PDB file of all heavy atoms in Angstrom:
ATOM      1  N   ALA A   1       0.914 -20.601 -50.478  1.00  0.00           N
ATOM      2  CA  ALA A   1      -0.428 -20.471 -50.890  1.00  0.00           C
ATOM      3  C   ALA A   1      -0.700 -21.102 -52.228  1.00  0.00           C
ATOM      4  O   ALA A   1       0.009 -20.927 -53.243  1.00  0.00           O
ATOM      5  CB  ALA A   1      -0.852 -18.942 -51.005  1.00  0.00           C
ATOM      6  N   ALA A   2      -1.726 -22.160 -52.176  1.00  0.00           N
ATOM      7  CA  ALA A   2      -1.996 -22.895 -53.453  1.00  0.00           C
ATOM      8  C   ALA A   2      -3.285 -22.369 -53.913  1.00  0.00           C
ATOM      9  O   ALA A   2      -4.237 -21.963 -53.202  1.00  0.00           O
ATOM     10  CB  ALA A   2      -2.021 -24.365 -52.978  1.00  0.00           C
ATOM     11  N   SER A   3      -3.388 -22.352 -55.288  1.00  0.00           N
ATOM     12  CA  SER A   3      -4.465 -21.941 -55.976  1.00  0.00           C
ATOM     13  C   SER A   3      -4.620 -22.741 -57.290  1.00  0.00           C
ATOM     14  O   SER A   3      -3.690 -23.309 -57.704  1.00  0.00           O
ATOM     15  CB  SER A   3      -4.503 -20.398 -56.327  1.00  0.00           C
ATOM     16  OG  SER A   3      -3.421 -20.087 -57.176  1.00  0.00           O
ATOM     17  N   GLY A   4      -5.922 -22.721 -57.802  1.00  0.00           N
ATOM     18  CA  GLY A   4      -6.170 -23.519 -59.034  1.00  0.00           C
ATOM     19  C   GLY A   4      -6.981 -24.773 -58.735  1.00  0.00           C
ATOM     20  O   GLY A   4      -7.797 -24.705 -57.830  1.00  0.00           O
ATOM     21  N   SER A   5      -6.656 -25.832 -59.441  1.00  0.00           N
ATOM     22  CA  SER A   5      -7.434 -27.027 -59.347  1.00  0.00           C
ATOM     23  C   SER A   5      -6.924 -27.878 -58.157  1.00  0.00           C
ATOM     24  O   SER A   5      -6.179 -28.844 -58.405  1.00  0.00           O
ATOM     25  CB  SER A   5      -7.361 -27.777 -60.631  1.00  0.00           C
ATOM     26  OG  SER A   5      -7.847 -27.061 -61.687  1.00  0.00           O
ATOM     27  N   ILE A   6      -7.319 -27.539 -56.960  1.00  0.00           N
ATOM     28  CA  ILE A   6      -6.888 -28.186 -55.712  1.00  0.00           C
ATOM     29  C   ILE A   6      -7.822 -29.391 -55.471  1.00  0.00           C
ATOM     30  O   ILE A   6      -9.005 -29.292 -55.268  1.00  0.00           O
ATOM     31  CB  ILE A   6      -6.881 -27.295 -54.523  1.00  0.00           C
ATOM     32  CG1 ILE A   6      -6.100 -25.973 -54.817  1.00  0.00           C
ATOM     33  CG2 ILE A   6      -6.304 -27.992 -53.309  1.00  0.00           C
ATOM     34  CD1 ILE A   6      -4.679 -26.199 -55.060  1.00  0.00           C
ATOM     35  N   PHE A   7      -7.190 -30.631 -55.457  1.00  0.00           N
ATOM     36  CA  PHE A   7      -7.972 -31.724 -55.034  1.00  0.00           C
ATOM     37  C   PHE A   7      -7.936 -31.821 -53.519  1.00  0.00           C
ATOM     38  O   PHE A   7      -6.960 -31.577 -52.859  1.00  0.00           O
ATOM     39  CB  PHE A   7      -7.391 -33.032 -55.626  1.00  0.00           C
ATOM     40  CG  PHE A   7      -7.483 -33.239 -57.135  1.00  0.00           C
ATOM     41  CD1 PHE A   7      -6.679 -32.756 -58.092  1.00  0.00           C
ATOM     42  CD2 PHE A   7      -8.766 -33.719 -57.621  1.00  0.00           C
ATOM     43  CE1 PHE A   7      -6.899 -32.892 -59.359  1.00  0.00           C
ATOM     44  CE2 PHE A   7      -9.036 -33.877 -58.895  1.00  0.00           C
ATOM     45  CZ  PHE A   7      -8.088 -33.413 -59.793  1.00  0.00           C
ATOM     46  N   ARG A   8      -9.034 -32.338 -53.001  1.00  0.00           N
ATOM     47  CA  ARG A   8      -9.155 -32.432 -51.525  1.00  0.00           C
ATOM     48  C   ARG A   8      -8.174 -33.335 -50.896  1.00  0.00           C
ATOM     49  O   ARG A   8      -7.514 -33.062 -49.828  1.00  0.00           O
ATOM     50  CB  ARG A   8     -10.557 -32.903 -51.122  1.00  0.00           C
ATOM     51  CG  ARG A   8     -10.830 -32.858 -49.719  1.00  0.00           C
ATOM     52  CD  ARG A   8     -12.303 -33.106 -49.446  1.00  0.00           C
ATOM     53  NE  ARG A   8     -12.604 -33.030 -48.016  1.00  0.00           N
ATOM     54  CZ  ARG A   8     -13.847 -33.243 -47.558  1.00  0.00           C
ATOM     55  NH1 ARG A   8     -14.836 -33.523 -48.296  1.00  0.00           N
ATOM     56  NH2 ARG A   8     -14.038 -33.159 -46.271  1.00  0.00           N
ATOM     57  N   ILE A   9      -7.781 -34.455 -51.551  1.00  0.00           N
ATOM     58  CA  ILE A   9      -6.804 -35.411 -51.076  1.00  0.00           C
ATOM     59  C   ILE A   9      -5.479 -35.018 -51.782  1.00  0.00           C
ATOM     60  O   ILE A   9      -5.325 -35.216 -52.948  1.00  0.00           O
ATOM     61  CB  ILE A   9      -7.154 -36.857 -51.399  1.00  0.00           C
ATOM     62  CG1 ILE A   9      -8.636 -37.148 -50.884  1.00  0.00           C
ATOM     63  CG2 ILE A   9      -6.233 -37.817 -50.822  1.00  0.00           C
ATOM     64  CD1 ILE A   9      -8.787 -37.023 -49.422  1.00  0.00           C
ATOM     65  N   ASN A  10      -4.563 -34.675 -50.982  1.00  0.00           N
ATOM     66  CA  ASN A  10      -3.252 -34.277 -51.504  1.00  0.00           C
ATOM     67  C   ASN A  10      -2.166 -34.299 -50.397  1.00  0.00           C
ATOM     68  O   ASN A  10      -2.450 -34.456 -49.257  1.00  0.00           O
ATOM     69  CB  ASN A  10      -3.332 -32.892 -52.105  1.00  0.00           C
ATOM     70  CG  ASN A  10      -3.753 -31.797 -51.064  1.00  0.00           C
ATOM     71  OD1 ASN A  10      -2.925 -31.354 -50.169  1.00  0.00           O
ATOM     72  ND2 ASN A  10      -4.856 -31.162 -51.221  1.00  0.00           N
ATOM     73  N   VAL A  11      -0.927 -34.165 -50.911  1.00  0.00           N
ATOM     74  CA  VAL A  11       0.173 -34.096 -49.954  1.00  0.00           C
ATOM     75  C   VAL A  11       0.892 -32.839 -50.311  1.00  0.00           C
ATOM     76  O   VAL A  11       1.168 -32.511 -51.426  1.00  0.00           O
ATOM     77  CB  VAL A  11       1.147 -35.270 -50.127  1.00  0.00           C
ATOM     78  CG1 VAL A  11       2.329 -35.082 -49.123  1.00  0.00           C
ATOM     79  CG2 VAL A  11       0.395 -36.594 -49.786  1.00  0.00           C
ATOM     80  N   MET A  12       1.299 -31.936 -49.230  1.00  0.00           N
ATOM     81  CA  MET A  12       2.102 -30.800 -49.419  1.00  0.00           C
ATOM     82  C   MET A  12       3.333 -30.973 -48.670  1.00  0.00           C
ATOM     83  O   MET A  12       3.322 -31.505 -47.632  1.00  0.00           O
ATOM     84  CB  MET A  12       1.202 -29.576 -49.051  1.00  0.00           C
ATOM     85  CG  MET A  12       0.038 -29.431 -49.858  1.00  0.00           C
ATOM     86  SD  MET A  12      -0.665 -27.756 -49.773  1.00  0.00           S
ATOM     87  CE  MET A  12       0.458 -26.804 -50.804  1.00  0.00           C
ATOM     88  N   CYS A  13       4.349 -30.549 -49.503  1.00  0.00           N
ATOM     89  CA  CYS A  13       5.780 -30.717 -48.823  1.00  0.00           C
ATOM     90  C   CYS A  13       6.589 -29.476 -48.979  1.00  0.00           C
ATOM     91  O   CYS A  13       6.240 -28.570 -49.744  1.00  0.00           O
ATOM     92  CB  CYS A  13       6.485 -31.790 -49.665  1.00  0.00           C
ATOM     93  SG  CYS A  13       5.669 -33.396 -49.826  1.00  0.00           S
ATOM     94  N   TRP A  14       7.554 -29.382 -48.150  1.00  0.00           N
ATOM     95  CA  TRP A  14       8.605 -28.435 -48.248  1.00  0.00           C
ATOM     96  C   TRP A  14       9.865 -29.103 -48.531  1.00  0.00           C
ATOM     97  O   TRP A  14      10.240 -30.059 -47.909  1.00  0.00           O
ATOM     98  CB  TRP A  14       8.741 -27.645 -46.835  1.00  0.00           C
ATOM     99  CG  TRP A  14       7.652 -26.689 -46.661  1.00  0.00           C
ATOM    100  CD1 TRP A  14       6.587 -26.851 -45.863  1.00  0.00           C
ATOM    101  CD2 TRP A  14       7.623 -25.333 -47.184  1.00  0.00           C
ATOM    102  NE1 TRP A  14       5.818 -25.617 -45.973  1.00  0.00           N
ATOM    103  CE2 TRP A  14       6.455 -24.767 -46.744  1.00  0.00           C
ATOM    104  CE3 TRP A  14       8.443 -24.543 -48.110  1.00  0.00           C
ATOM    105  CZ2 TRP A  14       6.017 -23.464 -47.035  1.00  0.00           C
ATOM    106  CZ3 TRP A  14       8.038 -23.246 -48.420  1.00  0.00           C
ATOM    107  CH2 TRP A  14       6.837 -22.766 -47.835  1.00  0.00           C
ATOM    108  N   TYR A  15      10.562 -28.655 -49.599  1.00  0.00           N
ATOM    109  CA  TYR A  15      11.941 -29.131 -49.923  1.00  0.00           C
ATOM    110  C   TYR A  15      12.910 -27.958 -49.779  1.00  0.00           C
ATOM    111  O   TYR A  15      12.474 -26.870 -49.711  1.00  0.00           O
ATOM    112  CB  TYR A  15      11.919 -29.557 -51.370  1.00  0.00           C
ATOM    113  CG  TYR A  15      11.356 -30.959 -51.674  1.00  0.00           C
ATOM    114  CD1 TYR A  15      10.017 -31.207 -51.600  1.00  0.00           C
ATOM    115  CD2 TYR A  15      12.120 -32.059 -51.975  1.00  0.00           C
ATOM    116  CE1 TYR A  15       9.454 -32.440 -51.863  1.00  0.00           C
ATOM    117  CE2 TYR A  15      11.623 -33.300 -52.320  1.00  0.00           C
ATOM    118  CZ  TYR A  15      10.283 -33.478 -52.198  1.00  0.00           C
ATOM    119  OH  TYR A  15       9.753 -34.765 -52.421  1.00  0.00           O
ATOM    120  N   ARG A  16      14.102 -28.253 -49.805  1.00  0.00           N
ATOM    121  CA  ARG A  16      15.165 -27.192 -49.862  1.00  0.00           C
ATOM    122  C   ARG A  16      16.301 -27.628 -50.692  1.00  0.00           C
ATOM    123  O   ARG A  16      16.571 -28.821 -50.822  1.00  0.00           O
ATOM    124  CB  ARG A  16      15.564 -26.839 -48.397  1.00  0.00           C
ATOM    125  CG  ARG A  16      16.458 -27.902 -47.673  1.00  0.00           C
ATOM    126  CD  ARG A  16      16.715 -27.521 -46.338  1.00  0.00           C
ATOM    127  NE  ARG A  16      17.495 -28.449 -45.582  1.00  0.00           N
ATOM    128  CZ  ARG A  16      17.776 -28.389 -44.166  1.00  0.00           C
ATOM    129  NH1 ARG A  16      17.365 -27.351 -43.570  1.00  0.00           N
ATOM    130  NH2 ARG A  16      18.482 -29.375 -43.619  1.00  0.00           N
ATOM    131  N   GLN A  17      17.036 -26.644 -51.201  1.00  0.00           N
ATOM    132  CA  GLN A  17      18.185 -26.874 -52.088  1.00  0.00           C
ATOM    133  C   GLN A  17      19.202 -25.826 -51.758  1.00  0.00           C
ATOM    134  O   GLN A  17      18.976 -24.666 -51.932  1.00  0.00           O
ATOM    135  CB  GLN A  17      17.863 -26.848 -53.571  1.00  0.00           C
ATOM    136  CG  GLN A  17      18.949 -27.352 -54.451  1.00  0.00           C
ATOM    137  CD  GLN A  17      18.518 -27.614 -55.843  1.00  0.00           C
ATOM    138  OE1 GLN A  17      17.437 -27.166 -56.309  1.00  0.00           O
ATOM    139  NE2 GLN A  17      19.338 -28.386 -56.594  1.00  0.00           N
ATOM    140  N   ALA A  18      20.364 -26.324 -51.228  1.00  0.00           N
ATOM    141  CA  ALA A  18      21.492 -25.435 -51.064  1.00  0.00           C
ATOM    142  C   ALA A  18      22.400 -25.455 -52.276  1.00  0.00           C
ATOM    143  O   ALA A  18      22.348 -26.396 -52.985  1.00  0.00           O
ATOM    144  CB  ALA A  18      22.258 -25.876 -49.851  1.00  0.00           C
ATOM    145  N   PRO A  19      23.183 -24.426 -52.517  1.00  0.00           N
ATOM    146  CA  PRO A  19      24.070 -24.404 -53.639  1.00  0.00           C
ATOM    147  C   PRO A  19      25.015 -25.602 -53.635  1.00  0.00           C
ATOM    148  O   PRO A  19      25.610 -25.991 -52.713  1.00  0.00           O
ATOM    149  CB  PRO A  19      24.888 -23.073 -53.463  1.00  0.00           C
ATOM    150  CG  PRO A  19      24.069 -22.271 -52.592  1.00  0.00           C
ATOM    151  CD  PRO A  19      23.302 -23.155 -51.682  1.00  0.00           C
ATOM    152  N   GLY A  20      25.041 -26.240 -54.860  1.00  0.00           N
ATOM    153  CA  GLY A  20      25.823 -27.438 -55.040  1.00  0.00           C
ATOM    154  C   GLY A  20      25.234 -28.747 -54.494  1.00  0.00           C
ATOM    155  O   GLY A  20      25.871 -29.833 -54.697  1.00  0.00           O
ATOM    156  N   ASN A  21      24.076 -28.615 -53.911  1.00  0.00           N
ATOM    157  CA  ASN A  21      23.463 -29.885 -53.332  1.00  0.00           C
ATOM    158  C   ASN A  21      22.206 -30.206 -54.162  1.00  0.00           C
ATOM    159  O   ASN A  21      21.608 -29.379 -54.787  1.00  0.00           O
ATOM    160  CB  ASN A  21      23.101 -29.617 -51.865  1.00  0.00           C
ATOM    161  CG  ASN A  21      24.335 -29.519 -50.972  1.00  0.00           C
ATOM    162  OD1 ASN A  21      25.411 -29.639 -51.396  1.00  0.00           O
ATOM    163  ND2 ASN A  21      24.003 -29.224 -49.668  1.00  0.00           N
ATOM    164  N   GLN A  22      21.802 -31.422 -53.895  1.00  0.00           N
ATOM    165  CA  GLN A  22      20.534 -31.864 -54.529  1.00  0.00           C
ATOM    166  C   GLN A  22      19.362 -31.310 -53.609  1.00  0.00           C
ATOM    167  O   GLN A  22      19.536 -31.043 -52.442  1.00  0.00           O
ATOM    168  CB  GLN A  22      20.399 -33.416 -54.532  1.00  0.00           C
ATOM    169  CG  GLN A  22      21.334 -33.979 -55.596  1.00  0.00           C
ATOM    170  CD  GLN A  22      21.050 -35.518 -55.714  1.00  0.00           C
ATOM    171  OE1 GLN A  22      20.567 -36.174 -54.836  1.00  0.00           O
ATOM    172  NE2 GLN A  22      21.435 -35.998 -56.905  1.00  0.00           N
ATOM    173  N   ARG A  23      18.196 -31.232 -54.298  1.00  0.00           N
ATOM    174  CA  ARG A  23      17.000 -30.794 -53.551  1.00  0.00           C
ATOM    175  C   ARG A  23      16.529 -32.008 -52.614  1.00  0.00           C
ATOM    176  O   ARG A  23      16.605 -33.074 -53.040  1.00  0.00           O
ATOM    177  CB  ARG A  23      15.870 -30.431 -54.576  1.00  0.00           C
ATOM    178  CG  ARG A  23      14.688 -29.731 -53.858  1.00  0.00           C
ATOM    179  CD  ARG A  23      13.694 -29.302 -54.939  1.00  0.00           C
ATOM    180  NE  ARG A  23      14.250 -28.336 -55.879  1.00  0.00           N
ATOM    181  CZ  ARG A  23      13.625 -27.619 -56.730  1.00  0.00           C
ATOM    182  NH1 ARG A  23      12.213 -27.806 -56.908  1.00  0.00           N
ATOM    183  NH2 ARG A  23      14.159 -26.745 -57.579  1.00  0.00           N
ATOM    184  N   GLU A  24      16.377 -31.521 -51.370  1.00  0.00           N
ATOM    185  CA  GLU A  24      15.987 -32.626 -50.318  1.00  0.00           C
ATOM    186  C   GLU A  24      14.625 -32.248 -49.686  1.00  0.00           C
ATOM    187  O   GLU A  24      14.271 -31.202 -49.505  1.00  0.00           O
ATOM    188  CB  GLU A  24      17.094 -32.682 -49.299  1.00  0.00           C
ATOM    189  CG  GLU A  24      17.294 -31.430 -48.428  1.00  0.00           C
ATOM    190  CD  GLU A  24      18.305 -31.620 -47.333  1.00  0.00           C
ATOM    191  OE1 GLU A  24      18.838 -32.794 -47.168  1.00  0.00           O
ATOM    192  OE2 GLU A  24      18.565 -30.587 -46.628  1.00  0.00           O
ATOM    193  N   LEU A  25      13.956 -33.343 -49.336  1.00  0.00           N
ATOM    194  CA  LEU A  25      12.670 -33.165 -48.666  1.00  0.00           C
ATOM    195  C   LEU A  25      12.942 -32.734 -47.166  1.00  0.00           C
ATOM    196  O   LEU A  25      13.782 -33.329 -46.475  1.00  0.00           O
ATOM    197  CB  LEU A  25      11.918 -34.541 -48.598  1.00  0.00           C
ATOM    198  CG  LEU A  25      10.597 -34.566 -47.793  1.00  0.00           C
ATOM    199  CD1 LEU A  25       9.594 -33.642 -48.482  1.00  0.00           C
ATOM    200  CD2 LEU A  25      10.159 -35.997 -47.751  1.00  0.00           C
ATOM    201  N   VAL A  26      12.283 -31.759 -46.712  1.00  0.00           N
ATOM    202  CA  VAL A  26      12.323 -31.217 -45.365  1.00  0.00           C
ATOM    203  C   VAL A  26      11.228 -31.785 -44.509  1.00  0.00           C
ATOM    204  O   VAL A  26      11.343 -32.278 -43.382  1.00  0.00           O
ATOM    205  CB  VAL A  26      12.436 -29.738 -45.380  1.00  0.00           C
ATOM    206  CG1 VAL A  26      12.372 -29.245 -43.916  1.00  0.00           C
ATOM    207  CG2 VAL A  26      13.562 -29.218 -46.167  1.00  0.00           C
ATOM    208  N   ALA A  27       9.984 -31.582 -45.035  1.00  0.00           N
ATOM    209  CA  ALA A  27       8.796 -31.973 -44.253  1.00  0.00           C
ATOM    210  C   ALA A  27       7.654 -32.228 -45.232  1.00  0.00           C
ATOM    211  O   ALA A  27       7.523 -31.622 -46.375  1.00  0.00           O
ATOM    212  CB  ALA A  27       8.412 -30.935 -43.250  1.00  0.00           C
ATOM    213  N   ALA A  28       6.690 -33.046 -44.868  1.00  0.00           N
ATOM    214  CA  ALA A  28       5.466 -33.346 -45.624  1.00  0.00           C
ATOM    215  C   ALA A  28       4.332 -33.527 -44.761  1.00  0.00           C
ATOM    216  O   ALA A  28       4.387 -33.858 -43.591  1.00  0.00           O
ATOM    217  CB  ALA A  28       5.664 -34.594 -46.394  1.00  0.00           C
ATOM    218  N   ILE A  29       3.194 -33.049 -45.276  1.00  0.00           N
ATOM    219  CA  ILE A  29       1.935 -33.240 -44.535  1.00  0.00           C
ATOM    220  C   ILE A  29       0.816 -33.558 -45.517  1.00  0.00           C
ATOM    221  O   ILE A  29       0.681 -33.037 -46.593  1.00  0.00           O
ATOM    222  CB  ILE A  29       1.582 -31.834 -43.796  1.00  0.00           C
ATOM    223  CG1 ILE A  29       0.358 -32.072 -43.001  1.00  0.00           C
ATOM    224  CG2 ILE A  29       1.409 -30.692 -44.737  1.00  0.00           C
ATOM    225  CD1 ILE A  29       0.168 -30.851 -41.952  1.00  0.00           C
ATOM    226  N   THR A  30      -0.009 -34.620 -45.074  1.00  0.00           N
ATOM    227  CA  THR A  30      -1.180 -34.975 -45.921  1.00  0.00           C
ATOM    228  C   THR A  30      -2.299 -34.148 -45.608  1.00  0.00           C
ATOM    229  O   THR A  30      -2.378 -33.352 -44.594  1.00  0.00           O
ATOM    230  CB  THR A  30      -1.504 -36.433 -45.620  1.00  0.00           C
ATOM    231  OG1 THR A  30      -2.085 -36.526 -44.284  1.00  0.00           O
ATOM    232  CG2 THR A  30      -0.227 -37.399 -45.663  1.00  0.00           C
ATOM    233  N   SER A  31      -3.334 -34.238 -46.400  1.00  0.00           N
ATOM    234  CA  SER A  31      -4.553 -33.494 -46.225  1.00  0.00           C
ATOM    235  C   SER A  31      -5.256 -33.902 -44.892  1.00  0.00           C
ATOM    236  O   SER A  31      -6.054 -33.146 -44.383  1.00  0.00           O
ATOM    237  CB  SER A  31      -5.472 -33.602 -47.417  1.00  0.00           C
ATOM    238  OG  SER A  31      -5.584 -34.984 -47.841  1.00  0.00           O
ATOM    239  N   GLY A  32      -4.932 -35.117 -44.433  1.00  0.00           N
ATOM    240  CA  GLY A  32      -5.445 -35.545 -43.187  1.00  0.00           C
ATOM    241  C   GLY A  32      -4.647 -35.141 -41.962  1.00  0.00           C
ATOM    242  O   GLY A  32      -5.062 -35.311 -40.823  1.00  0.00           O
ATOM    243  N   GLY A  33      -3.491 -34.452 -42.232  1.00  0.00           N
ATOM    244  CA  GLY A  33      -2.712 -33.956 -41.120  1.00  0.00           C
ATOM    245  C   GLY A  33      -1.556 -34.878 -40.673  1.00  0.00           C
ATOM    246  O   GLY A  33      -0.797 -34.432 -39.772  1.00  0.00           O
ATOM    247  N   SER A  34      -1.271 -35.931 -41.311  1.00  0.00           N
ATOM    248  CA  SER A  34      -0.121 -36.723 -41.013  1.00  0.00           C
ATOM    249  C   SER A  34       1.129 -36.008 -41.496  1.00  0.00           C
ATOM    250  O   SER A  34       1.144 -35.529 -42.566  1.00  0.00           O
ATOM    251  CB  SER A  34      -0.271 -38.108 -41.653  1.00  0.00           C
ATOM    252  OG  SER A  34      -1.343 -38.837 -41.144  1.00  0.00           O
ATOM    253  N   THR A  35       2.173 -36.081 -40.675  1.00  0.00           N
ATOM    254  CA  THR A  35       3.453 -35.387 -41.086  1.00  0.00           C
ATOM    255  C   THR A  35       4.638 -36.292 -41.025  1.00  0.00           C
ATOM    256  O   THR A  35       4.676 -37.383 -40.453  1.00  0.00           O
ATOM    257  CB  THR A  35       3.673 -34.242 -40.035  1.00  0.00           C
ATOM    258  OG1 THR A  35       3.812 -34.822 -38.681  1.00  0.00           O
ATOM    259  CG2 THR A  35       2.580 -33.195 -39.949  1.00  0.00           C
ATOM    260  N   ASN A  36       5.613 -35.793 -41.764  1.00  0.00           N
ATOM    261  CA  ASN A  36       6.879 -36.532 -41.809  1.00  0.00           C
ATOM    262  C   ASN A  36       8.019 -35.499 -41.928  1.00  0.00           C
ATOM    263  O   ASN A  36       7.809 -34.491 -42.641  1.00  0.00           O
ATOM    264  CB  ASN A  36       6.934 -37.441 -43.004  1.00  0.00           C
ATOM    265  CG  ASN A  36       8.072 -38.347 -43.041  1.00  0.00           C
ATOM    266  OD1 ASN A  36       8.562 -38.871 -42.041  1.00  0.00           O
ATOM    267  ND2 ASN A  36       8.663 -38.598 -44.226  1.00  0.00           N
ATOM    268  N   TYR A  37       9.188 -35.734 -41.317  1.00  0.00           N
ATOM    269  CA  TYR A  37      10.256 -34.819 -41.298  1.00  0.00           C
ATOM    270  C   TYR A  37      11.592 -35.432 -41.640  1.00  0.00           C
ATOM    271  O   TYR A  37      11.754 -36.679 -41.267  1.00  0.00           O
ATOM    272  CB  TYR A  37      10.313 -34.187 -39.886  1.00  0.00           C
ATOM    273  CG  TYR A  37       9.257 -33.304 -39.498  1.00  0.00           C
ATOM    274  CD1 TYR A  37       8.152 -33.870 -38.708  1.00  0.00           C
ATOM    275  CD2 TYR A  37       9.178 -31.928 -39.800  1.00  0.00           C
ATOM    276  CE1 TYR A  37       7.096 -33.122 -38.358  1.00  0.00           C
ATOM    277  CE2 TYR A  37       8.089 -31.130 -39.376  1.00  0.00           C
ATOM    278  CZ  TYR A  37       7.051 -31.762 -38.672  1.00  0.00           C
ATOM    279  OH  TYR A  37       6.009 -30.997 -38.334  1.00  0.00           O
ATOM    280  N   ALA A  38      12.511 -34.679 -42.186  1.00  0.00           N
ATOM    281  CA  ALA A  38      13.837 -35.155 -42.349  1.00  0.00           C
ATOM    282  C   ALA A  38      14.479 -35.185 -40.943  1.00  0.00           C
ATOM    283  O   ALA A  38      14.103 -34.309 -40.102  1.00  0.00           O
ATOM    284  CB  ALA A  38      14.610 -34.172 -43.235  1.00  0.00           C
TER     285      ALA A  38
END
């Protein structure tokens, strides 16, 4: 859930980080609905 100064045009992503690993992109979605996945 996002709150505050939300701009209409944005990208929201999910990242994950396992112990000892770098944070990695899992999935992304634009405000228009385009998606991208690892």
